[in-house]
PDB file of N, CA and C in Angstrom:
ATOM      1  N   UNK A   1     -11.890  -3.004  23.939  1.00  0.00           N
ATOM      2  CA  UNK A   1     -12.419  -2.588  22.662  1.00  0.00           C
ATOM      3  C   UNK A   1     -12.871  -3.837  21.892  1.00  0.00           C
ATOM      4  N   UNK A   2     -14.015  -3.728  21.279  1.00  0.00           N
ATOM      5  CA  UNK A   2     -14.551  -4.848  20.514  1.00  0.00           C
ATOM      6  C   UNK A   2     -13.738  -5.055  19.243  1.00  0.00           C
ATOM      7  N   UNK A   3     -13.614  -6.299  18.791  1.00  0.00           N
ATOM      8  CA  UNK A   3     -12.846  -6.567  17.568  1.00  0.00           C
ATOM      9  C   UNK A   3     -13.405  -5.835  16.347  1.00  0.00           C
ATOM     10  N   UNK A   4     -14.704  -5.704  16.263  1.00  0.00           N
ATOM     11  CA  UNK A   4     -15.326  -5.021  15.117  1.00  0.00           C
ATOM     12  C   UNK A   4     -14.954  -3.538  15.119  1.00  0.00           C
ATOM     13  N   UNK A   5     -14.949  -2.923  16.311  1.00  0.00           N
ATOM     14  CA  UNK A   5     -14.582  -1.508  16.420  1.00  0.00           C
ATOM     15  C   UNK A   5     -13.117  -1.313  16.050  1.00  0.00           C
ATOM     16  N   UNK A   6     -12.261  -2.218  16.506  1.00  0.00           N
ATOM     17  CA  UNK A   6     -10.844  -2.128  16.168  1.00  0.00           C
ATOM     18  C   UNK A   6     -10.638  -2.293  14.674  1.00  0.00           C
ATOM     19  N   UNK A   7     -11.392  -3.174  14.060  1.00  0.00           N
ATOM     20  CA  UNK A   7     -11.302  -3.376  12.618  1.00  0.00           C
ATOM     21  C   UNK A   7     -11.701  -2.125  11.858  1.00  0.00           C
ATOM     22  N   UNK A   8     -12.753  -1.477  12.295  1.00  0.00           N
ATOM     23  CA  UNK A   8     -13.213  -0.246  11.635  1.00  0.00           C
ATOM     24  C   UNK A   8     -12.173   0.853  11.800  1.00  0.00           C
ATOM     25  N   UNK A   9     -11.555   0.950  12.973  1.00  0.00           N
ATOM     26  CA  UNK A   9     -10.521   1.955  13.185  1.00  0.00           C
ATOM     27  C   UNK A   9      -9.311   1.706  12.290  1.00  0.00           C
ATOM     28  N   UNK A  10      -8.935   0.457  12.124  1.00  0.00           N
ATOM     29  CA  UNK A  10      -7.805   0.115  11.241  1.00  0.00           C
ATOM     30  C   UNK A  10      -8.137   0.477   9.801  1.00  0.00           C
ATOM     31  N   UNK A  11      -9.350   0.215   9.361  1.00  0.00           N
ATOM     32  CA  UNK A  11      -9.755   0.556   7.995  1.00  0.00           C
ATOM     33  C   UNK A  11      -9.716   2.071   7.787  1.00  0.00           C
ATOM     34  N   UNK A  12     -10.203   2.830   8.767  1.00  0.00           N
ATOM     35  CA  UNK A  12     -10.195   4.290   8.656  1.00  0.00           C
ATOM     36  C   UNK A  12      -8.758   4.804   8.591  1.00  0.00           C
ATOM     37  N   UNK A  13      -7.875   4.293   9.450  1.00  0.00           N
ATOM     38  CA  UNK A  13      -6.476   4.712   9.414  1.00  0.00           C
ATOM     39  C   UNK A  13      -5.832   4.347   8.084  1.00  0.00           C
ATOM     40  N   UNK A  14      -6.142   3.168   7.577  1.00  0.00           N
ATOM     41  CA  UNK A  14      -5.572   2.716   6.300  1.00  0.00           C
ATOM     42  C   UNK A  14      -6.024   3.627   5.170  1.00  0.00           C
ATOM     43  N   UNK A  15      -7.292   4.014   5.171  1.00  0.00           N
ATOM     44  CA  UNK A  15      -7.803   4.914   4.132  1.00  0.00           C
ATOM     45  C   UNK A  15      -7.137   6.279   4.231  1.00  0.00           C
ATOM     46  N   UNK A  16      -6.938   6.783   5.440  1.00  0.00           N
ATOM     47  CA  UNK A  16      -6.271   8.073   5.608  1.00  0.00           C
ATOM     48  C   UNK A  16      -4.822   8.028   5.117  1.00  0.00           C
ATOM     49  N   UNK A  17      -4.123   6.948   5.431  1.00  0.00           N
ATOM     50  CA  UNK A  17      -2.735   6.809   4.970  1.00  0.00           C
ATOM     51  C   UNK A  17      -2.682   6.675   3.453  1.00  0.00           C
ATOM     52  N   UNK A  18      -3.588   5.888   2.875  1.00  0.00           N
ATOM     53  CA  UNK A  18      -3.616   5.759   1.412  1.00  0.00           C
ATOM     54  C   UNK A  18      -3.940   7.101   0.758  1.00  0.00           C
ATOM     55  N   UNK A  19      -4.857   7.860   1.359  1.00  0.00           N
ATOM     56  CA  UNK A  19      -5.198   9.170   0.822  1.00  0.00           C
ATOM     57  C   UNK A  19      -3.983  10.086   0.857  1.00  0.00           C
ATOM     58  N   UNK A  20      -3.250  10.071   1.956  1.00  0.00           N
ATOM     59  CA  UNK A  20      -2.036  10.887   2.055  1.00  0.00           C
ATOM     60  C   UNK A  20      -1.012  10.425   1.018  1.00  0.00           C
ATOM     61  N   UNK A  21      -0.865   9.123   0.853  1.00  0.00           N
ATOM     62  CA  UNK A  21       0.134   8.587  -0.072  1.00  0.00           C
ATOM     63  C   UNK A  21      -0.170   8.972  -1.512  1.00  0.00           C
ATOM     64  N   UNK A  22      -1.407   8.834  -1.942  1.00  0.00           N
ATOM     65  CA  UNK A  22      -1.729   9.051  -3.356  1.00  0.00           C
ATOM     66  C   UNK A  22      -1.925  10.526  -3.699  1.00  0.00           C
ATOM     67  N   UNK A  23      -2.322  11.366  -2.760  1.00  0.00           N
ATOM     68  CA  UNK A  23      -2.644  12.746  -3.093  1.00  0.00           C
ATOM     69  C   UNK A  23      -1.629  13.758  -2.569  1.00  0.00           C
ATOM     70  N   UNK A  24      -0.535  13.311  -2.007  1.00  0.00           N
ATOM     71  CA  UNK A  24       0.518  14.207  -1.549  1.00  0.00           C
ATOM     72  C   UNK A  24       1.356  14.636  -2.751  1.00  0.00           C
ATOM     73  N   UNK A  25       1.548  15.932  -2.915  1.00  0.00           N
ATOM     74  CA  UNK A  25       2.290  16.419  -4.088  1.00  0.00           C
ATOM     75  C   UNK A  25       3.798  16.347  -3.871  1.00  0.00           C
ATOM     76  N   UNK A  26       4.262  16.440  -2.622  1.00  0.00           N
ATOM     77  CA  UNK A  26       5.692  16.340  -2.349  1.00  0.00           C
ATOM     78  C   UNK A  26       6.080  14.873  -2.216  1.00  0.00           C
ATOM     79  N   UNK A  27       6.968  14.456  -3.084  1.00  0.00           N
ATOM     80  CA  UNK A  27       7.425  13.059  -3.039  1.00  0.00           C
ATOM     81  C   UNK A  27       8.894  13.058  -2.658  1.00  0.00           C
ATOM     82  N   UNK A  28       9.182  12.542  -1.467  1.00  0.00           N
ATOM     83  CA  UNK A  28      10.549  12.503  -0.967  1.00  0.00           C
ATOM     84  C   UNK A  28      10.797  11.142  -0.350  1.00  0.00           C
ATOM     85  N   UNK A  29      11.883  11.001   0.375  1.00  0.00           N
ATOM     86  CA  UNK A  29      12.271   9.695   0.911  1.00  0.00           C
ATOM     87  C   UNK A  29      11.220   9.155   1.878  1.00  0.00           C
ATOM     88  N   UNK A  30      10.677   9.995   2.738  1.00  0.00           N
ATOM     89  CA  UNK A  30       9.654   9.521   3.676  1.00  0.00           C
ATOM     90  C   UNK A  30       8.414   9.046   2.929  1.00  0.00           C
ATOM     91  N   UNK A  31       8.079   9.714   1.851  1.00  0.00           N
ATOM     92  CA  UNK A  31       6.938   9.302   1.042  1.00  0.00           C
ATOM     93  C   UNK A  31       7.199   7.929   0.427  1.00  0.00           C
ATOM     94  N   UNK A  32       8.422   7.704  -0.054  1.00  0.00           N
ATOM     95  CA  UNK A  32       8.775   6.407  -0.628  1.00  0.00           C
ATOM     96  C   UNK A  32       8.734   5.314   0.446  1.00  0.00           C
ATOM     97  N   UNK A  33       9.252   5.617   1.634  1.00  0.00           N
ATOM     98  CA  UNK A  33       9.221   4.642   2.719  1.00  0.00           C
ATOM     99  C   UNK A  33       7.789   4.329   3.151  1.00  0.00           C
ATOM    100  N   UNK A  34       6.913   5.331   3.114  1.00  0.00           N
ATOM    101  CA  UNK A  34       5.501   5.093   3.408  1.00  0.00           C
ATOM    102  C   UNK A  34       4.907   4.131   2.383  1.00  0.00           C
ATOM    103  N   UNK A  35       5.261   4.306   1.119  1.00  0.00           N
ATOM    104  CA  UNK A  35       4.789   3.397   0.070  1.00  0.00           C
ATOM    105  C   UNK A  35       5.283   1.981   0.279  1.00  0.00           C
ATOM    106  N   UNK A  36       6.550   1.845   0.668  1.00  0.00           N
ATOM    107  CA  UNK A  36       7.105   0.516   0.927  1.00  0.00           C
ATOM    108  C   UNK A  36       6.390  -0.124   2.125  1.00  0.00           C
ATOM    109  N   UNK A  37       6.170   0.657   3.181  1.00  0.00           N
ATOM    110  CA  UNK A  37       5.468   0.129   4.357  1.00  0.00           C
ATOM    111  C   UNK A  37       4.036  -0.274   3.996  1.00  0.00           C
ATOM    112  N   UNK A  38       3.356   0.546   3.199  1.00  0.00           N
ATOM    113  CA  UNK A  38       2.002   0.201   2.756  1.00  0.00           C
ATOM    114  C   UNK A  38       1.995  -1.107   1.982  1.00  0.00           C
ATOM    115  N   UNK A  39       2.968  -1.271   1.090  1.00  0.00           N
ATOM    116  CA  UNK A  39       2.987  -2.497   0.290  1.00  0.00           C
ATOM    117  C   UNK A  39       3.275  -3.713   1.166  1.00  0.00           C
ATOM    118  N   UNK A  40       4.160  -3.572   2.148  1.00  0.00           N
ATOM    119  CA  UNK A  40       4.463  -4.703   3.040  1.00  0.00           C
ATOM    120  C   UNK A  40       3.238  -5.082   3.866  1.00  0.00           C
ATOM    121  N   UNK A  41       2.580  -4.090   4.486  1.00  0.00           N
ATOM    122  CA  UNK A  41       1.408  -4.385   5.305  1.00  0.00           C
ATOM    123  C   UNK A  41       0.268  -4.973   4.477  1.00  0.00           C
ATOM    124  N   UNK A  42       0.096  -4.446   3.275  1.00  0.00           N
ATOM    125  CA  UNK A  42      -0.986  -4.951   2.412  1.00  0.00           C
ATOM    126  C   UNK A  42      -0.694  -6.372   1.966  1.00  0.00           C
ATOM    127  N   UNK A  43       0.559  -6.670   1.649  1.00  0.00           N
ATOM    128  CA  UNK A  43       0.899  -8.026   1.233  1.00  0.00           C
ATOM    129  C   UNK A  43       0.738  -9.006   2.391  1.00  0.00           C
ATOM    130  N   UNK A  44       1.084  -8.578   3.608  1.00  0.00           N
ATOM    131  CA  UNK A  44       0.889  -9.455   4.761  1.00  0.00           C
ATOM    132  C   UNK A  44      -0.599  -9.711   5.016  1.00  0.00           C
ATOM    133  N   UNK A  45      -1.432  -8.693   4.822  1.00  0.00           N
ATOM    134  CA  UNK A  45      -2.881  -8.878   4.966  1.00  0.00           C
ATOM    135  C   UNK A  45      -3.386  -9.847   3.905  1.00  0.00           C
ATOM    136  N   UNK A  46      -2.874  -9.728   2.696  1.00  0.00           N
ATOM    137  CA  UNK A  46      -3.251 -10.649   1.622  1.00  0.00           C
ATOM    138  C   UNK A  46      -2.850 -12.081   1.975  1.00  0.00           C
ATOM    139  N   UNK A  47      -1.626 -12.272   2.446  1.00  0.00           N
ATOM    140  CA  UNK A  47      -1.177 -13.614   2.818  1.00  0.00           C
ATOM    141  C   UNK A  47      -2.012 -14.184   3.958  1.00  0.00           C
ATOM    142  N   UNK A  48      -2.331 -13.344   4.942  1.00  0.00           N
ATOM    143  CA  UNK A  48      -3.128 -13.795   6.082  1.00  0.00           C
ATOM    144  C   UNK A  48      -4.518 -14.233   5.634  1.00  0.00           C
ATOM    145  N   UNK A  49      -5.155 -13.451   4.782  1.00  0.00           N
ATOM    146  CA  UNK A  49      -6.495 -13.831   4.307  1.00  0.00           C
ATOM    147  C   UNK A  49      -6.443 -15.071   3.422  1.00  0.00           C
ATOM    148  N   UNK A  50      -5.399 -15.182   2.625  1.00  0.00           N
ATOM    149  CA  UNK A  50      -5.291 -16.344   1.756  1.00  0.00           C
ATOM    150  C   UNK A  50      -5.043 -17.614   2.583  1.00  0.00           C
ATOM    151  N   UNK A  51      -4.268 -17.478   3.657  1.00  0.00           N
ATOM    152  CA  UNK A  51      -3.996 -18.624   4.530  1.00  0.00           C
ATOM    153  C   UNK A  51      -5.276 -19.086   5.221  1.00  0.00           C
ATOM    154  N   UNK A  52      -6.190 -18.135   5.491  1.00  0.00           N
ATOM    155  CA  UNK A  52      -7.460 -18.472   6.116  1.00  0.00           C
ATOM    156  C   UNK A  52      -8.497 -18.954   5.104  1.00  0.00           C
ATOM    157  N   UNK A  53      -8.048 -19.100   3.853  1.00  0.00           N
ATOM    158  CA  UNK A  53      -8.898 -19.560   2.755  1.00  0.00           C
ATOM    159  C   UNK A  53     -10.077 -18.617   2.503  1.00  0.00           C
ATOM    160  N   UNK A  54      -9.801 -17.332   2.564  1.00  0.00           N
ATOM    161  CA  UNK A  54     -10.800 -16.296   2.251  1.00  0.00           C
ATOM    162  C   UNK A  54     -10.358 -15.593   0.979  1.00  0.00           C
ATOM    163  N   UNK A  55     -10.416 -16.318  -0.127  1.00  0.00           N
ATOM    164  CA  UNK A  55      -9.902 -15.796  -1.395  1.00  0.00           C
ATOM    165  C   UNK A  55     -10.668 -14.575  -1.865  1.00  0.00           C
ATOM    166  N   UNK A  56     -11.956 -14.541  -1.611  1.00  0.00           N
ATOM    167  CA  UNK A  56     -12.774 -13.401  -2.036  1.00  0.00           C
ATOM    168  C   UNK A  56     -12.305 -12.125  -1.342  1.00  0.00           C
ATOM    169  N   UNK A  57     -12.065 -12.205  -0.025  1.00  0.00           N
ATOM    170  CA  UNK A  57     -11.630 -11.031   0.722  1.00  0.00           C
ATOM    171  C   UNK A  57     -10.164 -10.705   0.453  1.00  0.00           C
ATOM    172  N   UNK A  58      -9.388 -11.674   0.014  1.00  0.00           N
ATOM    173  CA  UNK A  58      -7.966 -11.454  -0.238  1.00  0.00           C
ATOM    174  C   UNK A  58      -7.714 -10.704  -1.539  1.00  0.00           C
ATOM    175  N   UNK A  59      -8.705 -10.590  -2.389  1.00  0.00           N
ATOM    176  CA  UNK A  59      -8.503  -9.916  -3.668  1.00  0.00           C
ATOM    177  C   UNK A  59      -8.263  -8.417  -3.493  1.00  0.00           C
ATOM    178  N   UNK A  60      -8.983  -7.775  -2.590  1.00  0.00           N
ATOM    179  CA  UNK A  60      -8.828  -6.327  -2.406  1.00  0.00           C
ATOM    180  C   UNK A  60      -7.432  -5.945  -1.923  1.00  0.00           C
ATOM    181  N   UNK A  61      -6.897  -6.598  -0.867  1.00  0.00           N
ATOM    182  CA  UNK A  61      -5.526  -6.242  -0.482  1.00  0.00           C
ATOM    183  C   UNK A  61      -4.505  -6.511  -1.590  1.00  0.00           C
ATOM    184  N   UNK A  62      -4.739  -7.538  -2.391  1.00  0.00           N
ATOM    185  CA  UNK A  62      -3.807  -7.819  -3.483  1.00  0.00           C
ATOM    186  C   UNK A  62      -3.861  -6.719  -4.545  1.00  0.00           C
ATOM    187  N   UNK A  63      -5.056  -6.217  -4.847  1.00  0.00           N
ATOM    188  CA  UNK A  63      -5.194  -5.132  -5.819  1.00  0.00           C
ATOM    189  C   UNK A  63      -4.527  -3.864  -5.289  1.00  0.00           C
ATOM    190  N   UNK A  64      -4.730  -3.558  -4.005  1.00  0.00           N
ATOM    191  CA  UNK A  64      -4.089  -2.384  -3.413  1.00  0.00           C
ATOM    192  C   UNK A  64      -2.578  -2.556  -3.432  1.00  0.00           C
ATOM    193  N   UNK A  65      -2.085  -3.760  -3.119  1.00  0.00           N
ATOM    194  CA  UNK A  65      -0.646  -4.032  -3.155  1.00  0.00           C
ATOM    195  C   UNK A  65      -0.088  -3.799  -4.547  1.00  0.00           C
ATOM    196  N   UNK A  66      -0.751  -4.314  -5.562  1.00  0.00           N
ATOM    197  CA  UNK A  66      -0.279  -4.141  -6.942  1.00  0.00           C
ATOM    198  C   UNK A  66      -0.261  -2.660  -7.330  1.00  0.00           C
ATOM    199  N   UNK A  67      -1.277  -1.924  -6.944  1.00  0.00           N
ATOM    200  CA  UNK A  67      -1.352  -0.506  -7.287  1.00  0.00           C
ATOM    201  C   UNK A  67      -0.261   0.298  -6.585  1.00  0.00           C
ATOM    202  N   UNK A  68       0.001   0.004  -5.303  1.00  0.00           N
ATOM    203  CA  UNK A  68       1.043   0.718  -4.566  1.00  0.00           C
ATOM    204  C   UNK A  68       2.407   0.403  -5.149  1.00  0.00           C
ATOM    205  N   UNK A  69       2.665  -0.864  -5.470  1.00  0.00           N
ATOM    206  CA  UNK A  69       3.957  -1.229  -6.075  1.00  0.00           C
ATOM    207  C   UNK A  69       4.106  -0.552  -7.436  1.00  0.00           C
ATOM    208  N   UNK A  70       3.033  -0.497  -8.202  1.00  0.00           N
ATOM    209  CA  UNK A  70       3.072   0.177  -9.507  1.00  0.00           C
ATOM    210  C   UNK A  70       3.412   1.660  -9.337  1.00  0.00           C
ATOM    211  N   UNK A  71       2.774   2.325  -8.377  1.00  0.00           N
ATOM    212  CA  UNK A  71       3.073   3.746  -8.168  1.00  0.00           C
ATOM    213  C   UNK A  71       4.498   3.944  -7.679  1.00  0.00           C
ATOM    214  N   UNK A  72       4.994   3.041  -6.829  1.00  0.00           N
ATOM    215  CA  UNK A  72       6.398   3.144  -6.418  1.00  0.00           C
ATOM    216  C   UNK A  72       7.320   3.039  -7.623  1.00  0.00           C
ATOM    217  N   UNK A  73       7.008   2.132  -8.517  1.00  0.00           N
ATOM    218  CA  UNK A  73       7.829   1.972  -9.723  1.00  0.00           C
ATOM    219  C   UNK A  73       7.780   3.227 -10.586  1.00  0.00           C
ATOM    220  N   UNK A  74       6.575   3.732 -10.831  1.00  0.00           N
ATOM    221  CA  UNK A  74       6.421   4.887 -11.727  1.00  0.00           C
ATOM    222  C   UNK A  74       6.984   6.160 -11.106  1.00  0.00           C
ATOM    223  N   UNK A  75       6.810   6.353  -9.794  1.00  0.00           N
ATOM    224  CA  UNK A  75       7.237   7.598  -9.165  1.00  0.00           C
ATOM    225  C   UNK A  75       8.717   7.625  -8.812  1.00  0.00           C
ATOM    226  N   UNK A  76       9.322   6.458  -8.525  1.00  0.00           N
ATOM    227  CA  UNK A  76      10.684   6.468  -8.012  1.00  0.00           C
ATOM    228  C   UNK A  76      11.680   5.701  -8.880  1.00  0.00           C
ATOM    229  N   UNK A  77      11.359   4.494  -9.268  1.00  0.00           N
ATOM    230  CA  UNK A  77      12.336   3.662  -9.988  1.00  0.00           C
ATOM    231  C   UNK A  77      12.473   4.119 -11.439  1.00  0.00           C
ATOM    232  N   UNK A  78      11.373   4.313 -12.119  1.00  0.00           N
ATOM    233  CA  UNK A  78      11.425   4.689 -13.530  1.00  0.00           C
ATOM    234  C   UNK A  78      12.156   6.027 -13.751  1.00  0.00           C
ATOM    235  N   UNK A  79      11.869   7.099 -13.007  1.00  0.00           N
ATOM    236  CA  UNK A  79      12.635   8.343 -13.213  1.00  0.00           C
ATOM    237  C   UNK A  79      14.137   8.178 -12.922  1.00  0.00           C
ATOM    238  N   UNK A  80      14.457   7.359 -11.925  1.00  0.00           N
ATOM    239  CA  UNK A  80      15.869   7.118 -11.603  1.00  0.00           C
ATOM    240  C   UNK A  80      16.573   6.429 -12.767  1.00  0.00           C
ATOM    241  N   UNK A  81      15.947   5.416 -13.342  1.00  0.00           N
ATOM    242  CA  UNK A  81      16.539   4.701 -14.472  1.00  0.00           C
ATOM    243  C   UNK A  81      16.644   5.611 -15.696  1.00  0.00           C
ATOM    244  N   UNK A  82      15.634   6.417 -15.939  1.00  0.00           N
ATOM    245  CA  UNK A  82      15.666   7.333 -17.085  1.00  0.00           C
ATOM    246  C   UNK A  82      16.803   8.350 -16.915  1.00  0.00           C
ATOM    247  N   UNK A  83      17.007   8.859 -15.690  1.00  0.00           N
ATOM    248  CA  UNK A  83      18.115   9.784 -15.443  1.00  0.00           C
ATOM    249  C   UNK A  83      19.463   9.122 -15.660  1.00  0.00           C
ATOM    250  N   UNK A  84      19.575   7.842 -15.339  1.00  0.00           N
ATOM    251  CA  UNK A  84      20.827   7.133 -15.572  1.00  0.00           C
ATOM    252  C   UNK A  84      21.100   6.943 -17.059  1.00  0.00           C
ATOM    253  N   UNK A  85      20.051   6.686 -17.820  1.00  0.00           N
ATOM    254  CA  UNK A  85      20.222   6.441 -19.254  1.00  0.00           C
ATOM    255  C   UNK A  85      20.515   7.740 -19.992  1.00  0.00           C
ATOM    256  N   UNK A  86      19.818   8.800 -19.629  1.00  0.00           N
ATOM    257  CA  UNK A  86      19.975  10.084 -20.336  1.00  0.00           C
ATOM    258  C   UNK A  86      21.130  10.788 -19.765  1.00  0.00           C
TER     259      UNK A  86
END
């Protein structure tokens, strides 16, 4: 398989997983673990691109990483803390 074809397949799979993550109405433990896995893979892609001195291309994975971490915080951590306080 050509590297360009493999890259396109990875992007398509990544978009499908992100679509499932953001538009799934049932949020449970597997959904949270998917979010953690997405954030880890995205951060590793960011580090890899930054190490290759491709700062322009590294911005997109960093933005996706920040957004996924933000949603993890809003969907899981914040309600847990509010339940503890109330």
